[in-house]
Amino acid sequence: MKEIGSLLAKYASHLLEKNKILEAIELYRKAHHFLDGAKLMFKIAEEEAKKRTKPLRVKKLYVLAALLIEDYHEQIKNTQRAKLKGKRSEVKHSKLILILDYN
């Protein structure tokens, strides 16, 4: 798993060196690294805002970055639910074992 993370970082830095920022954001999104993609998207939005061009485009970039943050929060909620569900099933199994041991 560590190899995948390093390969992802290497490929993303390669894309960034070639100034393919949107492709790097898409890579992070597909790899479920939403925060990294959001950081890049916020960076693009800030650069566009400094240029003072097309306010609607800037707004869309900020909204897309916020959507990536929401995806991150959803991912965190799902992992916490899975952990909680795993703990609950462990408790149920332990109670069942205790009941069976007493009979």
N, C-alpha and C. Protein backbone atom coordinates (compact mmCIF):
# COMPACT_ATOMS: atom_id res chain seq x y z
N MET A 1 0.82 -1.19 0.00
CA MET A 1 0.00 0.00 0.00
C MET A 1 0.87 1.26 0.00
N LYS A 2 2.00 1.20 0.66
CA LYS A 2 2.89 2.35 0.70
C LYS A 2 3.44 2.65 -0.70
N GLU A 3 3.65 1.60 -1.48
CA GLU A 3 4.16 1.78 -2.83
C GLU A 3 3.17 2.56 -3.69
N ILE A 4 1.90 2.30 -3.50
CA ILE A 4 0.88 2.98 -4.29
C ILE A 4 0.89 4.46 -3.98
N GLY A 5 1.01 4.81 -2.71
CA GLY A 5 1.05 6.21 -2.31
C GLY A 5 2.25 6.94 -2.90
N SER A 6 3.40 6.26 -2.89
CA SER A 6 4.60 6.91 -3.44
C SER A 6 4.50 7.04 -4.96
N LEU A 7 3.94 6.03 -5.62
CA LEU A 7 3.74 6.11 -7.07
C LEU A 7 2.75 7.21 -7.42
N LEU A 8 1.71 7.34 -6.64
CA LEU A 8 0.72 8.39 -6.86
C LEU A 8 1.37 9.76 -6.72
N ALA A 9 2.15 9.94 -5.68
CA ALA A 9 2.82 11.22 -5.45
C ALA A 9 3.81 11.52 -6.57
N LYS A 10 4.52 10.50 -7.01
CA LYS A 10 5.50 10.69 -8.08
C LYS A 10 4.80 11.10 -9.38
N TYR A 11 3.72 10.41 -9.72
CA TYR A 11 3.01 10.73 -10.96
C TYR A 11 2.36 12.10 -10.88
N ALA A 12 1.81 12.44 -9.71
CA ALA A 12 1.19 13.76 -9.53
C ALA A 12 2.24 14.86 -9.67
N SER A 13 3.41 14.66 -9.09
CA SER A 13 4.47 15.68 -9.23
C SER A 13 4.93 15.79 -10.68
N HIS A 14 4.95 14.66 -11.38
CA HIS A 14 5.29 14.68 -12.81
C HIS A 14 4.27 15.51 -13.59
N LEU A 15 2.99 15.33 -13.28
CA LEU A 15 1.94 16.11 -13.95
C LEU A 15 2.07 17.59 -13.62
N LEU A 16 2.38 17.89 -12.38
CA LEU A 16 2.52 19.29 -11.96
C LEU A 16 3.73 19.95 -12.62
N GLU A 17 4.80 19.19 -12.79
CA GLU A 17 5.98 19.73 -13.48
C GLU A 17 5.65 20.11 -14.92
N LYS A 18 4.78 19.32 -15.53
CA LYS A 18 4.37 19.59 -16.91
C LYS A 18 3.21 20.59 -16.97
N ASN A 19 2.89 21.18 -15.82
CA ASN A 19 1.82 22.18 -15.70
C ASN A 19 0.45 21.61 -16.09
N LYS A 20 0.22 20.35 -15.77
CA LYS A 20 -1.07 19.70 -16.01
C LYS A 20 -1.78 19.57 -14.67
N ILE A 21 -2.15 20.70 -14.13
CA ILE A 21 -2.71 20.75 -12.78
C ILE A 21 -4.08 20.07 -12.73
N LEU A 22 -4.91 20.32 -13.72
CA LEU A 22 -6.24 19.71 -13.71
C LEU A 22 -6.17 18.19 -13.80
N GLU A 23 -5.19 17.68 -14.56
CA GLU A 23 -5.02 16.23 -14.64
C GLU A 23 -4.56 15.67 -13.29
N ALA A 24 -3.72 16.42 -12.59
CA ALA A 24 -3.27 15.99 -11.25
C ALA A 24 -4.45 15.98 -10.28
N ILE A 25 -5.32 16.97 -10.38
CA ILE A 25 -6.50 17.01 -9.52
C ILE A 25 -7.39 15.81 -9.80
N GLU A 26 -7.58 15.49 -11.07
CA GLU A 26 -8.40 14.34 -11.44
C GLU A 26 -7.77 13.04 -10.93
N LEU A 27 -6.46 12.95 -11.00
CA LEU A 27 -5.75 11.78 -10.48
C LEU A 27 -6.00 11.61 -8.99
N TYR A 28 -5.85 12.71 -8.25
CA TYR A 28 -6.10 12.65 -6.81
C TYR A 28 -7.55 12.27 -6.52
N ARG A 29 -8.49 12.79 -7.29
CA ARG A 29 -9.90 12.48 -7.06
C ARG A 29 -10.18 11.00 -7.28
N LYS A 30 -9.63 10.46 -8.37
CA LYS A 30 -9.86 9.04 -8.67
C LYS A 30 -9.19 8.13 -7.64
N ALA A 31 -8.10 8.62 -7.04
CA ALA A 31 -7.40 7.84 -6.03
C ALA A 31 -7.96 8.07 -4.62
N HIS A 32 -9.04 8.83 -4.53
CA HIS A 32 -9.70 9.14 -3.26
C HIS A 32 -8.78 9.93 -2.32
N HIS A 33 -7.92 10.75 -2.88
CA HIS A 33 -7.11 11.70 -2.10
C HIS A 33 -7.70 13.08 -2.32
N PHE A 34 -8.88 13.26 -1.75
CA PHE A 34 -9.68 14.45 -2.03
C PHE A 34 -9.04 15.73 -1.51
N LEU A 35 -8.38 15.67 -0.37
CA LEU A 35 -7.78 16.88 0.18
C LEU A 35 -6.64 17.41 -0.70
N ASP A 36 -5.85 16.51 -1.23
CA ASP A 36 -4.76 16.94 -2.10
C ASP A 36 -5.31 17.61 -3.36
N GLY A 37 -6.36 17.01 -3.91
CA GLY A 37 -7.00 17.60 -5.08
C GLY A 37 -7.63 18.95 -4.76
N ALA A 38 -8.24 19.05 -3.59
CA ALA A 38 -8.88 20.31 -3.20
C ALA A 38 -7.85 21.42 -3.01
N LYS A 39 -6.70 21.07 -2.45
CA LYS A 39 -5.64 22.07 -2.26
C LYS A 39 -5.22 22.66 -3.61
N LEU A 40 -5.04 21.77 -4.58
CA LEU A 40 -4.65 22.24 -5.91
C LEU A 40 -5.75 23.09 -6.54
N MET A 41 -7.00 22.66 -6.34
CA MET A 41 -8.12 23.41 -6.92
C MET A 41 -8.24 24.79 -6.29
N PHE A 42 -8.04 24.88 -4.97
CA PHE A 42 -8.07 26.18 -4.31
C PHE A 42 -6.93 27.07 -4.83
N LYS A 43 -5.78 26.45 -5.08
CA LYS A 43 -4.65 27.19 -5.61
C LYS A 43 -4.98 27.79 -6.99
N ILE A 44 -5.61 27.00 -7.84
CA ILE A 44 -6.00 27.49 -9.17
C ILE A 44 -7.02 28.61 -9.02
N ALA A 45 -7.98 28.43 -8.12
CA ALA A 45 -9.02 29.45 -7.92
C ALA A 45 -8.40 30.76 -7.45
N GLU A 46 -7.45 30.68 -6.53
CA GLU A 46 -6.79 31.90 -6.04
C GLU A 46 -6.02 32.60 -7.15
N GLU A 47 -5.34 31.81 -7.99
CA GLU A 47 -4.60 32.41 -9.10
C GLU A 47 -5.55 33.11 -10.08
N GLU A 48 -6.67 32.46 -10.36
CA GLU A 48 -7.65 33.06 -11.27
C GLU A 48 -8.27 34.33 -10.66
N ALA A 49 -8.48 34.30 -9.34
CA ALA A 49 -9.06 35.47 -8.67
C ALA A 49 -8.09 36.65 -8.72
N LYS A 50 -6.80 36.38 -8.60
CA LYS A 50 -5.80 37.45 -8.66
C LYS A 50 -5.75 38.09 -10.05
N LYS A 51 -6.04 37.29 -11.08
CA LYS A 51 -6.03 37.81 -12.45
C LYS A 51 -7.22 38.73 -12.72
N ARG A 52 -8.24 38.62 -11.87
CA ARG A 52 -9.47 39.41 -12.01
C ARG A 52 -10.17 39.13 -13.35
N THR A 53 -10.20 37.87 -13.73
CA THR A 53 -10.89 37.51 -14.96
C THR A 53 -12.02 36.55 -14.66
N LYS A 54 -13.10 36.72 -15.34
CA LYS A 54 -14.27 35.83 -15.29
C LYS A 54 -14.64 35.38 -13.87
N PRO A 55 -15.36 36.20 -13.16
CA PRO A 55 -15.75 35.85 -11.78
C PRO A 55 -16.54 34.53 -11.70
N LEU A 56 -17.32 34.24 -12.72
CA LEU A 56 -18.09 32.99 -12.70
C LEU A 56 -17.15 31.78 -12.73
N ARG A 57 -16.08 31.88 -13.49
CA ARG A 57 -15.09 30.79 -13.54
C ARG A 57 -14.44 30.61 -12.16
N VAL A 58 -14.10 31.70 -11.51
CA VAL A 58 -13.49 31.63 -10.18
C VAL A 58 -14.46 30.97 -9.20
N LYS A 59 -15.72 31.37 -9.28
CA LYS A 59 -16.74 30.79 -8.40
C LYS A 59 -16.85 29.29 -8.62
N LYS A 60 -16.86 28.88 -9.88
CA LYS A 60 -16.97 27.45 -10.20
C LYS A 60 -15.77 26.68 -9.66
N LEU A 61 -14.59 27.27 -9.75
CA LEU A 61 -13.40 26.60 -9.22
C LEU A 61 -13.48 26.42 -7.71
N TYR A 62 -13.95 27.46 -7.02
CA TYR A 62 -14.11 27.35 -5.56
C TYR A 62 -15.18 26.31 -5.21
N VAL A 63 -16.24 26.26 -5.98
CA VAL A 63 -17.30 25.27 -5.72
C VAL A 63 -16.77 23.86 -5.94
N LEU A 64 -16.00 23.66 -7.00
CA LEU A 64 -15.42 22.35 -7.25
C LEU A 64 -14.47 21.93 -6.13
N ALA A 65 -13.69 22.89 -5.63
CA ALA A 65 -12.81 22.59 -4.51
C ALA A 65 -13.62 22.21 -3.27
N ALA A 66 -14.70 22.93 -3.04
CA ALA A 66 -15.56 22.62 -1.89
C ALA A 66 -16.21 21.24 -2.04
N LEU A 67 -16.55 20.86 -3.26
CA LEU A 67 -17.12 19.53 -3.49
C LEU A 67 -16.10 18.43 -3.18
N LEU A 68 -14.85 18.70 -3.49
CA LEU A 68 -13.81 17.73 -3.13
C LEU A 68 -13.68 17.61 -1.61
N ILE A 69 -13.82 18.72 -0.91
CA ILE A 69 -13.80 18.69 0.56
C ILE A 69 -14.98 17.88 1.09
N GLU A 70 -16.14 18.07 0.49
CA GLU A 70 -17.32 17.28 0.90
C GLU A 70 -17.09 15.80 0.66
N ASP A 71 -16.47 15.45 -0.46
CA ASP A 71 -16.16 14.05 -0.73
C ASP A 71 -15.23 13.49 0.34
N TYR A 72 -14.29 14.31 0.77
CA TYR A 72 -13.37 13.90 1.84
C TYR A 72 -14.14 13.63 3.13
N HIS A 73 -15.04 14.55 3.48
CA HIS A 73 -15.82 14.37 4.71
C HIS A 73 -16.70 13.12 4.62
N GLU A 74 -17.27 12.88 3.47
CA GLU A 74 -18.09 11.68 3.29
C GLU A 74 -17.24 10.42 3.44
N GLN A 75 -16.03 10.46 2.91
CA GLN A 75 -15.12 9.33 3.02
C GLN A 75 -14.78 9.07 4.50
N ILE A 76 -14.53 10.12 5.25
CA ILE A 76 -14.22 9.98 6.67
C ILE A 76 -15.41 9.38 7.42
N LYS A 77 -16.62 9.87 7.12
CA LYS A 77 -17.82 9.34 7.78
C LYS A 77 -17.98 7.85 7.49
N ASN A 78 -17.77 7.48 6.23
CA ASN A 78 -17.94 6.07 5.86
C ASN A 78 -16.93 5.17 6.55
N THR A 79 -15.69 5.64 6.68
CA THR A 79 -14.69 4.81 7.35
C THR A 79 -15.01 4.69 8.84
N GLN A 80 -15.51 5.77 9.44
CA GLN A 80 -15.87 5.71 10.86
C GLN A 80 -17.06 4.78 11.08
N ARG A 81 -18.02 4.82 10.16
CA ARG A 81 -19.17 3.92 10.26
C ARG A 81 -18.73 2.47 10.14
N ALA A 82 -17.81 2.21 9.23
CA ALA A 82 -17.33 0.85 9.03
C ALA A 82 -16.61 0.35 10.29
N LYS A 83 -15.81 1.22 10.89
CA LYS A 83 -15.11 0.84 12.12
C LYS A 83 -16.11 0.57 13.23
N LEU A 84 -17.11 1.44 13.34
CA LEU A 84 -18.11 1.27 14.38
C LEU A 84 -18.91 0.00 14.16
N LYS A 85 -19.25 -0.28 12.92
CA LYS A 85 -20.00 -1.49 12.60
C LYS A 85 -19.18 -2.73 12.93
N GLY A 86 -17.87 -2.66 12.67
CA GLY A 86 -16.99 -3.77 13.00
C GLY A 86 -16.92 -4.01 14.50
N LYS A 87 -16.87 -2.93 15.27
CA LYS A 87 -16.83 -3.05 16.72
C LYS A 87 -18.14 -3.61 17.25
N ARG A 88 -19.25 -3.19 16.67
CA ARG A 88 -20.55 -3.69 17.11
C ARG A 88 -20.67 -5.18 16.84
N SER A 89 -20.20 -5.62 15.68
CA SER A 89 -20.30 -7.05 15.38
C SER A 89 -19.39 -7.85 16.30
N GLU A 90 -18.23 -7.28 16.69
CA GLU A 90 -17.36 -7.95 17.65
C GLU A 90 -18.06 -8.11 18.99
N VAL A 91 -18.76 -7.07 19.42
CA VAL A 91 -19.48 -7.12 20.70
C VAL A 91 -20.58 -8.17 20.63
N LYS A 92 -21.31 -8.20 19.51
CA LYS A 92 -22.38 -9.20 19.35
C LYS A 92 -21.81 -10.61 19.40
N HIS A 93 -20.67 -10.81 18.72
CA HIS A 93 -20.06 -12.14 18.71
C HIS A 93 -19.58 -12.52 20.10
N SER A 94 -19.01 -11.56 20.84
CA SER A 94 -18.54 -11.89 22.18
C SER A 94 -19.70 -12.23 23.11
N LYS A 95 -20.82 -11.50 22.96
CA LYS A 95 -22.00 -11.80 23.78
C LYS A 95 -22.54 -13.17 23.44
N LEU A 96 -22.56 -13.49 22.16
CA LEU A 96 -23.04 -14.80 21.73
C LEU A 96 -22.16 -15.90 22.28
N ILE A 97 -20.87 -15.70 22.26
CA ILE A 97 -19.95 -16.70 22.79
C ILE A 97 -20.16 -16.87 24.29
N LEU A 98 -20.36 -15.76 25.00
CA LEU A 98 -20.61 -15.85 26.44
C LEU A 98 -21.90 -16.61 26.72
N ILE A 99 -22.92 -16.35 25.95
CA ILE A 99 -24.21 -17.05 26.13
C ILE A 99 -24.04 -18.53 25.88
N LEU A 100 -23.34 -18.87 24.82
CA LEU A 100 -23.14 -20.28 24.47
C LEU A 100 -22.27 -20.99 25.51
N ASP A 101 -21.31 -20.28 26.09
CA ASP A 101 -20.44 -20.87 27.10
C ASP A 101 -21.22 -21.21 28.37
N TYR A 102 -22.21 -20.38 28.74
CA TYR A 102 -22.98 -20.63 29.96
C TYR A 102 -23.98 -21.76 29.80
N ASN A 103 -24.34 -22.07 28.57
CA ASN A 103 -25.34 -23.13 28.37
C ASN A 103 -24.70 -24.44 28.26
